[in-house]
Each structure stands twice: as C-alpha cells, then as structure tokens.
Amino acid sequence: MQNNTEEFIKLLDKALQIAEQTRKDKQPEFKHSERLNNLISALESIKNKTLIGKLEASGGISTLGLSREVADWIEPLDSPLLKAVGKIEEYYQKYL
C-alpha cells in the first residue's frame, strides 16, 4: 500500500505542477482562472488527505471527479493537464 500511496502522490504533484504552470502562463486574462484555482485546491486537498491516510478508498468504483471537471473547461482536450488528472483518476480507481 505504501508504494501505491507514493506513486499516487507523484501523480498529484505532477498535476499540481502543470496546473500551477498553466495558471502562471495564462494570467491575467484566462477566463477559467476560478476553475483552475478550484482544481489546484482540490488536488492539494486530495494530496493532504492521502498523506494523513484519510482519503476514502475507491473500491474500483468511485472517482475523484477531476477529469469531468477539467474536461468542462480545458482546451484543447488533449492538454497535459487533462491527461495528468486522467492518470490520477485511473490510478485511484485501480490501486486505492
């Protein structure tokens, strides 16, 4: 389980890095700044819950809702940020 958690944290960190870079690159005129900021907060919250052992298990069924949220506003749909949150969702369902 420890290895799964470490890998999950790495995926979260990668997504956070991409999201922060997106925020930096797109300021101040980015029309989805609030949604991007909400995503960053959600990723940080998930990371903190994971670190303290409070993240609810997926059971192979639940998702975190990240991909759906990002897909609603990100352009293009093959963006690195959407791919990163997709990897988080996939890993969460398979291993946590």
PDB file of N, CA and C in Angstrom:
ATOM      1  N   MET A   1       0.822  -1.204   0.000  1.00  0.00           N
ATOM      2  CA  MET A   1       0.000   0.000   0.000  1.00  0.00           C
ATOM      3  C   MET A   1       0.860   1.259   0.000  1.00  0.00           C
ATOM      4  N   GLN A   2       1.993   1.221   0.670  1.00  0.00           N
ATOM      5  CA  GLN A   2       2.880   2.377   0.743  1.00  0.00           C
ATOM      6  C   GLN A   2       3.357   2.800  -0.643  1.00  0.00           C
ATOM      7  N   ASN A   3       3.730   1.822  -1.483  1.00  0.00           N
ATOM      8  CA  ASN A   3       4.173   2.142  -2.836  1.00  0.00           C
ATOM      9  C   ASN A   3       3.053   2.771  -3.653  1.00  0.00           C
ATOM     10  N   ASN A   4       1.820   2.278  -3.482  1.00  0.00           N
ATOM     11  CA  ASN A   4       0.676   2.855  -4.177  1.00  0.00           C
ATOM     12  C   ASN A   4       0.474   4.313  -3.778  1.00  0.00           C
ATOM     13  N   THR A   5       0.593   4.590  -2.488  1.00  0.00           N
ATOM     14  CA  THR A   5       0.426   5.950  -1.993  1.00  0.00           C
ATOM     15  C   THR A   5       1.516   6.857  -2.543  1.00  0.00           C
ATOM     16  N   GLU A   6       2.744   6.386  -2.542  1.00  0.00           N
ATOM     17  CA  GLU A   6       3.857   7.191  -3.055  1.00  0.00           C
ATOM     18  C   GLU A   6       3.664   7.507  -4.532  1.00  0.00           C
ATOM     19  N   GLU A   7       3.244   6.532  -5.303  1.00  0.00           N
ATOM     20  CA  GLU A   7       3.011   6.754  -6.732  1.00  0.00           C
ATOM     21  C   GLU A   7       1.856   7.725  -6.941  1.00  0.00           C
ATOM     22  N   PHE A   8       0.811   7.600  -6.144  1.00  0.00           N
ATOM     23  CA  PHE A   8      -0.339   8.493  -6.240  1.00  0.00           C
ATOM     24  C   PHE A   8       0.078   9.932  -5.928  1.00  0.00           C
ATOM     25  N   ILE A   9       0.897  10.110  -4.917  1.00  0.00           N
ATOM     26  CA  ILE A   9       1.400  11.449  -4.560  1.00  0.00           C
ATOM     27  C   ILE A   9       2.209  12.031  -5.717  1.00  0.00           C
ATOM     28  N   LYS A  10       3.010  11.208  -6.372  1.00  0.00           N
ATOM     29  CA  LYS A  10       3.785  11.682  -7.525  1.00  0.00           C
ATOM     30  C   LYS A  10       2.870  12.170  -8.636  1.00  0.00           C
ATOM     31  N   LEU A  11       1.787  11.436  -8.894  1.00  0.00           N
ATOM     32  CA  LEU A  11       0.823  11.850  -9.914  1.00  0.00           C
ATOM     33  C   LEU A  11       0.138  13.165  -9.526  1.00  0.00           C
ATOM     34  N   LEU A  12      -0.200  13.304  -8.262  1.00  0.00           N
ATOM     35  CA  LEU A  12      -0.799  14.552  -7.786  1.00  0.00           C
ATOM     36  C   LEU A  12       0.175  15.712  -7.927  1.00  0.00           C
ATOM     37  N   ASP A  13       1.425  15.484  -7.556  1.00  0.00           N
ATOM     38  CA  ASP A  13       2.442  16.532  -7.674  1.00  0.00           C
ATOM     39  C   ASP A  13       2.641  16.965  -9.120  1.00  0.00           C
ATOM     40  N   LYS A  14       2.623  16.013 -10.033  1.00  0.00           N
ATOM     41  CA  LYS A  14       2.782  16.328 -11.456  1.00  0.00           C
ATOM     42  C   LYS A  14       1.614  17.179 -11.943  1.00  0.00           C
ATOM     43  N   ALA A  15       0.400  16.801 -11.576  1.00  0.00           N
ATOM     44  CA  ALA A  15      -0.777  17.571 -11.969  1.00  0.00           C
ATOM     45  C   ALA A  15      -0.751  18.968 -11.358  1.00  0.00           C
ATOM     46  N   LEU A  16      -0.328  19.059 -10.104  1.00  0.00           N
ATOM     47  CA  LEU A  16      -0.209  20.368  -9.457  1.00  0.00           C
ATOM     48  C   LEU A  16       0.812  21.243 -10.186  1.00  0.00           C
ATOM     49  N   GLN A  17       1.914  20.649 -10.572  1.00  0.00           N
ATOM     50  CA  GLN A  17       2.953  21.387 -11.297  1.00  0.00           C
ATOM     51  C   GLN A  17       2.386  21.932 -12.619  1.00  0.00           C
ATOM     52  N   ILE A  18       1.684  21.093 -13.349  1.00  0.00           N
ATOM     53  CA  ILE A  18       1.103  21.507 -14.629  1.00  0.00           C
ATOM     54  C   ILE A  18       0.045  22.586 -14.405  1.00  0.00           C
ATOM     55  N   ALA A  19      -0.790  22.411 -13.399  1.00  0.00           N
ATOM     56  CA  ALA A  19      -1.846  23.391 -13.104  1.00  0.00           C
ATOM     57  C   ALA A  19      -1.243  24.739 -12.710  1.00  0.00           C
ATOM     58  N   GLU A  20      -0.224  24.716 -11.879  1.00  0.00           N
ATOM     59  CA  GLU A  20       0.440  25.959 -11.467  1.00  0.00           C
ATOM     60  C   GLU A  20       1.084  26.656 -12.663  1.00  0.00           C
ATOM     61  N   GLN A  21       1.700  25.884 -13.542  1.00  0.00           N
ATOM     62  CA  GLN A  21       2.312  26.459 -14.734  1.00  0.00           C
ATOM     63  C   GLN A  21       1.240  27.044 -15.658  1.00  0.00           C
ATOM     64  N   THR A  22       0.123  26.357 -15.780  1.00  0.00           N
ATOM     65  CA  THR A  22      -0.991  26.864 -16.578  1.00  0.00           C
ATOM     66  C   THR A  22      -1.486  28.184 -16.010  1.00  0.00           C
ATOM     67  N   ARG A  23      -1.624  28.237 -14.700  1.00  0.00           N
ATOM     68  CA  ARG A  23      -2.075  29.476 -14.054  1.00  0.00           C
ATOM     69  C   ARG A  23      -1.093  30.604 -14.316  1.00  0.00           C
ATOM     70  N   LYS A  24       0.173  30.312 -14.211  1.00  0.00           N
ATOM     71  CA  LYS A  24       1.217  31.323 -14.440  1.00  0.00           C
ATOM     72  C   LYS A  24       1.209  31.796 -15.897  1.00  0.00           C
ATOM     73  N   ASP A  25       1.095  30.866 -16.823  1.00  0.00           N
ATOM     74  CA  ASP A  25       1.149  31.191 -18.250  1.00  0.00           C
ATOM     75  C   ASP A  25      -0.080  31.949 -18.733  1.00  0.00           C
ATOM     76  N   LYS A  26      -1.220  31.701 -18.137  1.00  0.00           N
ATOM     77  CA  LYS A  26      -2.481  32.239 -18.655  1.00  0.00           C
ATOM     78  C   LYS A  26      -2.962  33.499 -17.940  1.00  0.00           C
ATOM     79  N   GLN A  27      -2.296  33.931 -16.902  1.00  0.00           N
ATOM     80  CA  GLN A  27      -2.729  35.116 -16.165  1.00  0.00           C
ATOM     81  C   GLN A  27      -2.458  36.363 -16.973  1.00  0.00           C
ATOM     82  N   PRO A  28      -3.208  37.429 -16.850  1.00  0.00           N
ATOM     83  CA  PRO A  28      -4.406  37.571 -16.022  1.00  0.00           C
ATOM     84  C   PRO A  28      -5.695  37.351 -16.794  1.00  0.00           C
ATOM     85  N   GLU A  29      -5.615  37.122 -18.095  1.00  0.00           N
ATOM     86  CA  GLU A  29      -6.822  37.111 -18.913  1.00  0.00           C
ATOM     87  C   GLU A  29      -7.524  35.771 -19.033  1.00  0.00           C
ATOM     88  N   PHE A  30      -7.026  34.738 -18.387  1.00  0.00           N
ATOM     89  CA  PHE A  30      -7.604  33.399 -18.511  1.00  0.00           C
ATOM     90  C   PHE A  30      -9.030  33.391 -17.966  1.00  0.00           C
ATOM     91  N   LYS A  31      -9.982  33.021 -18.821  1.00  0.00           N
ATOM     92  CA  LYS A  31     -11.392  33.093 -18.427  1.00  0.00           C
ATOM     93  C   LYS A  31     -11.808  31.995 -17.448  1.00  0.00           C
ATOM     94  N   HIS A  32     -10.965  30.997 -17.261  1.00  0.00           N
ATOM     95  CA  HIS A  32     -11.301  29.905 -16.344  1.00  0.00           C
ATOM     96  C   HIS A  32     -10.386  29.897 -15.111  1.00  0.00           C
ATOM     97  N   SER A  33      -9.894  31.067 -14.739  1.00  0.00           N
ATOM     98  CA  SER A  33      -8.983  31.158 -13.593  1.00  0.00           C
ATOM     99  C   SER A  33      -9.591  30.599 -12.315  1.00  0.00           C
ATOM    100  N   GLU A  34     -10.857  30.894 -12.076  1.00  0.00           N
ATOM    101  CA  GLU A  34     -11.502  30.412 -10.856  1.00  0.00           C
ATOM    102  C   GLU A  34     -11.577  28.885 -10.855  1.00  0.00           C
ATOM    103  N   ARG A  35     -11.909  28.300 -11.983  1.00  0.00           N
ATOM    104  CA  ARG A  35     -11.998  26.841 -12.070  1.00  0.00           C
ATOM    105  C   ARG A  35     -10.618  26.213 -11.919  1.00  0.00           C
ATOM    106  N   LEU A  36      -9.604  26.842 -12.481  1.00  0.00           N
ATOM    107  CA  LEU A  36      -8.243  26.345 -12.336  1.00  0.00           C
ATOM    108  C   LEU A  36      -7.805  26.431 -10.880  1.00  0.00           C
ATOM    109  N   ASN A  37      -8.114  27.538 -10.219  1.00  0.00           N
ATOM    110  CA  ASN A  37      -7.784  27.678  -8.802  1.00  0.00           C
ATOM    111  C   ASN A  37      -8.507  26.637  -7.959  1.00  0.00           C
ATOM    112  N   ASN A  38      -9.761  26.344  -8.306  1.00  0.00           N
ATOM    113  CA  ASN A  38     -10.523  25.306  -7.588  1.00  0.00           C
ATOM    114  C   ASN A  38      -9.885  23.928  -7.790  1.00  0.00           C
ATOM    115  N   LEU A  39      -9.410  23.668  -9.002  1.00  0.00           N
ATOM    116  CA  LEU A  39      -8.733  22.398  -9.277  1.00  0.00           C
ATOM    117  C   LEU A  39      -7.473  22.280  -8.435  1.00  0.00           C
ATOM    118  N   ILE A  40      -6.692  23.343  -8.376  1.00  0.00           N
ATOM    119  CA  ILE A  40      -5.461  23.321  -7.582  1.00  0.00           C
ATOM    120  C   ILE A  40      -5.792  23.058  -6.112  1.00  0.00           C
ATOM    121  N   SER A  41      -6.813  23.701  -5.608  1.00  0.00           N
ATOM    122  CA  SER A  41      -7.235  23.467  -4.216  1.00  0.00           C
ATOM    123  C   SER A  41      -7.668  22.017  -4.012  1.00  0.00           C
ATOM    124  N   ALA A  42      -8.411  21.474  -4.970  1.00  0.00           N
ATOM    125  CA  ALA A  42      -8.875  20.084  -4.862  1.00  0.00           C
ATOM    126  C   ALA A  42      -7.684  19.126  -4.877  1.00  0.00           C
ATOM    127  N   LEU A  43      -6.726  19.358  -5.763  1.00  0.00           N
ATOM    128  CA  LEU A  43      -5.545  18.497  -5.821  1.00  0.00           C
ATOM    129  C   LEU A  43      -4.758  18.557  -4.521  1.00  0.00           C
ATOM    130  N   GLU A  44      -4.603  19.748  -3.970  1.00  0.00           N
ATOM    131  CA  GLU A  44      -3.889  19.898  -2.690  1.00  0.00           C
ATOM    132  C   GLU A  44      -4.635  19.191  -1.565  1.00  0.00           C
ATOM    133  N   SER A  45      -5.950  19.295  -1.557  1.00  0.00           N
ATOM    134  CA  SER A  45      -6.763  18.626  -0.533  1.00  0.00           C
ATOM    135  C   SER A  45      -6.640  17.106  -0.642  1.00  0.00           C
ATOM    136  N   ILE A  46      -6.713  16.588  -1.863  1.00  0.00           N
ATOM    137  CA  ILE A  46      -6.565  15.146  -2.066  1.00  0.00           C
ATOM    138  C   ILE A  46      -5.188  14.690  -1.615  1.00  0.00           C
ATOM    139  N   LYS A  47      -4.177  15.469  -1.930  1.00  0.00           N
ATOM    140  CA  LYS A  47      -2.814  15.122  -1.517  1.00  0.00           C
ATOM    141  C   LYS A  47      -2.710  15.087   0.012  1.00  0.00           C
ATOM    142  N   ASN A  48      -3.258  16.106   0.663  1.00  0.00           N
ATOM    143  CA  ASN A  48      -3.194  16.149   2.123  1.00  0.00           C
ATOM    144  C   ASN A  48      -3.949  14.980   2.754  1.00  0.00           C
ATOM    145  N   LYS A  49      -5.130  14.665   2.228  1.00  0.00           N
ATOM    146  CA  LYS A  49      -5.891  13.527   2.749  1.00  0.00           C
ATOM    147  C   LYS A  49      -5.126  12.220   2.547  1.00  0.00           C
ATOM    148  N   THR A  50      -4.459  12.108   1.419  1.00  0.00           N
ATOM    149  CA  THR A  50      -3.676  10.901   1.145  1.00  0.00           C
ATOM    150  C   THR A  50      -2.521  10.786   2.131  1.00  0.00           C
ATOM    151  N   LEU A  51      -1.841  11.888   2.368  1.00  0.00           N
ATOM    152  CA  LEU A  51      -0.683  11.876   3.270  1.00  0.00           C
ATOM    153  C   LEU A  51      -1.048  11.518   4.704  1.00  0.00           C
ATOM    154  N   ILE A  52      -2.230  11.924   5.138  1.00  0.00           N
ATOM    155  CA  ILE A  52      -2.632  11.615   6.520  1.00  0.00           C
ATOM    156  C   ILE A  52      -3.502  10.364   6.609  1.00  0.00           C
ATOM    157  N   GLY A  53      -3.684   9.689   5.477  1.00  0.00           N
ATOM    158  CA  GLY A  53      -4.434   8.433   5.476  1.00  0.00           C
ATOM    159  C   GLY A  53      -5.932   8.591   5.552  1.00  0.00           C
ATOM    160  N   LYS A  54      -6.453   9.728   5.136  1.00  0.00           N
ATOM    161  CA  LYS A  54      -7.889   9.996   5.238  1.00  0.00           C
ATOM    162  C   LYS A  54      -8.607   9.989   3.892  1.00  0.00           C
ATOM    163  N   LEU A  55      -7.913   9.632   2.809  1.00  0.00           N
ATOM    164  CA  LEU A  55      -8.568   9.580   1.509  1.00  0.00           C
ATOM    165  C   LEU A  55      -9.421   8.324   1.436  1.00  0.00           C
ATOM    166  N   GLU A  56     -10.688   8.520   1.124  1.00  0.00           N
ATOM    167  CA  GLU A  56     -11.614   7.397   1.032  1.00  0.00           C
ATOM    168  C   GLU A  56     -11.216   6.494  -0.135  1.00  0.00           C
ATOM    169  N   ALA A  57     -11.263   5.192   0.087  1.00  0.00           N
ATOM    170  CA  ALA A  57     -10.890   4.230  -0.947  1.00  0.00           C
ATOM    171  C   ALA A  57     -11.899   4.252  -2.090  1.00  0.00           C
ATOM    172  N   SER A  58     -11.400   4.017  -3.281  1.00  0.00           N
ATOM    173  CA  SER A  58     -12.247   3.990  -4.478  1.00  0.00           C
ATOM    174  C   SER A  58     -13.080   2.716  -4.547  1.00  0.00           C
ATOM    175  N   GLY A  59     -12.481   1.623  -4.154  1.00  0.00           N
ATOM    176  CA  GLY A  59     -13.148   0.341  -4.293  1.00  0.00           C
ATOM    177  C   GLY A  59     -13.346  -0.037  -5.753  1.00  0.00           C
ATOM    178  N   GLY A  60     -12.579   0.593  -6.633  1.00  0.00           N
ATOM    179  CA  GLY A  60     -12.688   0.317  -8.054  1.00  0.00           C
ATOM    180  C   GLY A  60     -13.900   0.945  -8.707  1.00  0.00           C
ATOM    181  N   ILE A  61     -14.658   1.719  -7.934  1.00  0.00           N
ATOM    182  CA  ILE A  61     -15.901   2.291  -8.445  1.00  0.00           C
ATOM    183  C   ILE A  61     -15.874   3.823  -8.412  1.00  0.00           C
ATOM    184  N   SER A  62     -15.560   4.376  -7.264  1.00  0.00           N
ATOM    185  CA  SER A  62     -15.604   5.827  -7.087  1.00  0.00           C
ATOM    186  C   SER A  62     -14.515   6.523  -7.887  1.00  0.00           C
ATOM    187  N   THR A  63     -14.812   7.759  -8.259  1.00  0.00           N
ATOM    188  CA  THR A  63     -13.811   8.620  -8.893  1.00  0.00           C
ATOM    189  C   THR A  63     -13.652   9.859  -8.030  1.00  0.00           C
ATOM    190  N   LEU A  64     -12.702  10.660  -8.371  1.00  0.00           N
ATOM    191  CA  LEU A  64     -12.478  11.912  -7.661  1.00  0.00           C
ATOM    192  C   LEU A  64     -13.191  13.081  -8.349  1.00  0.00           C
ATOM    193  N   GLY A  65     -13.681  12.858  -9.556  1.00  0.00           N
ATOM    194  CA  GLY A  65     -14.399  13.892 -10.289  1.00  0.00           C
ATOM    195  C   GLY A  65     -13.511  14.914 -10.968  1.00  0.00           C
ATOM    196  N   LEU A  66     -12.223  14.670 -10.971  1.00  0.00           N
ATOM    197  CA  LEU A  66     -11.282  15.641 -11.531  1.00  0.00           C
ATOM    198  C   LEU A  66     -11.369  15.729 -13.046  1.00  0.00           C
ATOM    199  N   SER A  67     -11.389  14.590 -13.708  1.00  0.00           N
ATOM    200  CA  SER A  67     -11.397  14.582 -15.173  1.00  0.00           C
ATOM    201  C   SER A  67     -12.648  15.254 -15.723  1.00  0.00           C
ATOM    202  N   ARG A  68     -13.764  14.949 -15.135  1.00  0.00           N
ATOM    203  CA  ARG A  68     -15.021  15.542 -15.601  1.00  0.00           C
ATOM    204  C   ARG A  68     -14.979  17.061 -15.444  1.00  0.00           C
ATOM    205  N   GLU A  69     -14.512  17.517 -14.306  1.00  0.00           N
ATOM    206  CA  GLU A  69     -14.436  18.956 -14.049  1.00  0.00           C
ATOM    207  C   GLU A  69     -13.511  19.645 -15.041  1.00  0.00           C
ATOM    208  N   VAL A  70     -12.337  19.109 -15.233  1.00  0.00           N
ATOM    209  CA  VAL A  70     -11.360  19.739 -16.129  1.00  0.00           C
ATOM    210  C   VAL A  70     -11.830  19.677 -17.574  1.00  0.00           C
ATOM    211  N   ALA A  71     -12.429  18.586 -17.972  1.00  0.00           N
ATOM    212  CA  ALA A  71     -12.899  18.445 -19.354  1.00  0.00           C
ATOM    213  C   ALA A  71     -13.974  19.474 -19.697  1.00  0.00           C
ATOM    214  N   ASP A  72     -14.664  19.998 -18.691  1.00  0.00           N
ATOM    215  CA  ASP A  72     -15.704  21.002 -18.928  1.00  0.00           C
ATOM    216  C   ASP A  72     -15.146  22.335 -19.429  1.00  0.00           C
ATOM    217  N   TRP A  73     -13.881  22.633 -19.111  1.00  0.00           N
ATOM    218  CA  TRP A  73     -13.369  23.959 -19.471  1.00  0.00           C
ATOM    219  C   TRP A  73     -12.011  23.976 -20.167  1.00  0.00           C
ATOM    220  N   ILE A  74     -11.277  22.893 -20.133  1.00  0.00           N
ATOM    221  CA  ILE A  74      -9.920  22.908 -20.688  1.00  0.00           C
ATOM    222  C   ILE A  74      -9.963  22.848 -22.216  1.00  0.00           C
ATOM    223  N   GLU A  75      -9.066  23.550 -22.825  1.00  0.00           N
ATOM    224  CA  GLU A  75      -8.887  23.490 -24.277  1.00  0.00           C
ATOM    225  C   GLU A  75      -7.397  23.508 -24.554  1.00  0.00           C
ATOM    226  N   PRO A  76      -6.924  22.684 -25.415  1.00  0.00           N
ATOM    227  CA  PRO A  76      -7.615  21.619 -26.135  1.00  0.00           C
ATOM    228  C   PRO A  76      -7.821  20.407 -25.229  1.00  0.00           C
ATOM    229  N   LEU A  77      -8.657  19.483 -25.671  1.00  0.00           N
ATOM    230  CA  LEU A  77      -8.973  18.313 -24.848  1.00  0.00           C
ATOM    231  C   LEU A  77      -7.809  17.344 -24.709  1.00  0.00           C
ATOM    232  N   ASP A  78      -6.758  17.515 -25.484  1.00  0.00           N
ATOM    233  CA  ASP A  78      -5.569  16.670 -25.303  1.00  0.00           C
ATOM    234  C   ASP A  78      -4.482  17.420 -24.521  1.00  0.00           C
ATOM    235  N   SER A  79      -4.910  18.351 -23.686  1.00  0.00           N
ATOM    236  CA  SER A  79      -3.968  19.150 -22.899  1.00  0.00           C
ATOM    237  C   SER A  79      -3.235  18.293 -21.861  1.00  0.00           C
ATOM    238  N   PRO A  80      -2.019  18.683 -21.513  1.00  0.00           N
ATOM    239  CA  PRO A  80      -1.273  17.962 -20.484  1.00  0.00           C
ATOM    240  C   PRO A  80      -2.003  17.915 -19.131  1.00  0.00           C
ATOM    241  N   LEU A  81      -2.732  18.969 -18.812  1.00  0.00           N
ATOM    242  CA  LEU A  81      -3.442  18.999 -17.530  1.00  0.00           C
ATOM    243  C   LEU A  81      -4.552  17.948 -17.492  1.00  0.00           C
ATOM    244  N   LEU A  82      -5.317  17.839 -18.546  1.00  0.00           N
ATOM    245  CA  LEU A  82      -6.375  16.827 -18.586  1.00  0.00           C
ATOM    246  C   LEU A  82      -5.784  15.422 -18.565  1.00  0.00           C
ATOM    247  N   LYS A  83      -4.693  15.233 -19.253  1.00  0.00           N
ATOM    248  CA  LYS A  83      -4.022  13.924 -19.234  1.00  0.00           C
ATOM    249  C   LYS A  83      -3.530  13.592 -17.827  1.00  0.00           C
ATOM    250  N   ALA A  84      -2.978  14.590 -17.131  1.00  0.00           N
ATOM    251  CA  ALA A  84      -2.459  14.369 -15.776  1.00  0.00           C
ATOM    252  C   ALA A  84      -3.574  13.997 -14.799  1.00  0.00           C
ATOM    253  N   VAL A  85      -4.702  14.700 -14.851  1.00  0.00           N
ATOM    254  CA  VAL A  85      -5.788  14.354 -13.931  1.00  0.00           C
ATOM    255  C   VAL A  85      -6.428  13.025 -14.326  1.00  0.00           C
ATOM    256  N   GLY A  86      -6.401  12.703 -15.615  1.00  0.00           N
ATOM    257  CA  GLY A  86      -6.882  11.394 -16.057  1.00  0.00           C
ATOM    258  C   GLY A  86      -6.057  10.263 -15.464  1.00  0.00           C
ATOM    259  N   LYS A  87      -4.741  10.457 -15.400  1.00  0.00           N
ATOM    260  CA  LYS A  87      -3.863   9.455 -14.798  1.00  0.00           C
ATOM    261  C   LYS A  87      -4.149   9.306 -13.302  1.00  0.00           C
ATOM    262  N   ILE A  88      -4.438  10.411 -12.647  1.00  0.00           N
ATOM    263  CA  ILE A  88      -4.785  10.372 -11.218  1.00  0.00           C
ATOM    264  C   ILE A  88      -6.054   9.546 -11.027  1.00  0.00           C
ATOM    265  N   GLU A  89      -7.070   9.838 -11.823  1.00  0.00           N
ATOM    266  CA  GLU A  89      -8.336   9.110 -11.716  1.00  0.00           C
ATOM    267  C   GLU A  89      -8.147   7.612 -11.966  1.00  0.00           C
ATOM    268  N   GLU A  90      -7.409   7.295 -13.009  1.00  0.00           N
ATOM    269  CA  GLU A  90      -7.173   5.887 -13.345  1.00  0.00           C
ATOM    270  C   GLU A  90      -6.436   5.174 -12.222  1.00  0.00           C
ATOM    271  N   TYR A  91      -5.400   5.799 -11.693  1.00  0.00           N
ATOM    272  CA  TYR A  91      -4.620   5.194 -10.619  1.00  0.00           C
ATOM    273  C   TYR A  91      -5.469   5.015  -9.354  1.00  0.00           C
ATOM    274  N   TYR A  92      -6.249   6.023  -9.054  1.00  0.00           N
ATOM    275  CA  TYR A  92      -7.128   5.979  -7.878  1.00  0.00           C
ATOM    276  C   TYR A  92      -8.087   4.805  -7.957  1.00  0.00           C
ATOM    277  N   GLN A  93      -8.701   4.618  -9.115  1.00  0.00           N
ATOM    278  CA  GLN A  93      -9.653   3.507  -9.267  1.00  0.00           C
ATOM    279  C   GLN A  93      -8.982   2.145  -9.243  1.00  0.00           C
ATOM    280  N   LYS A  94      -7.798   2.039  -9.779  1.00  0.00           N
ATOM    281  CA  LYS A  94      -7.121   0.736  -9.861  1.00  0.00           C
ATOM    282  C   LYS A  94      -6.434   0.331  -8.564  1.00  0.00           C
ATOM    283  N   TYR A  95      -5.834   1.290  -7.866  1.00  0.00           N
ATOM    284  CA  TYR A  95      -4.932   0.919  -6.778  1.00  0.00           C
ATOM    285  C   TYR A  95      -5.308   1.451  -5.395  1.00  0.00           C
ATOM    286  N   LEU A  96      -6.280   2.341  -5.309  1.00  0.00           N
ATOM    287  CA  LEU A  96      -6.592   2.873  -3.988  1.00  0.00           C
ATOM    288  C   LEU A  96      -8.039   2.622  -3.596  1.00  0.00           C
TER     289      LEU A  96
END
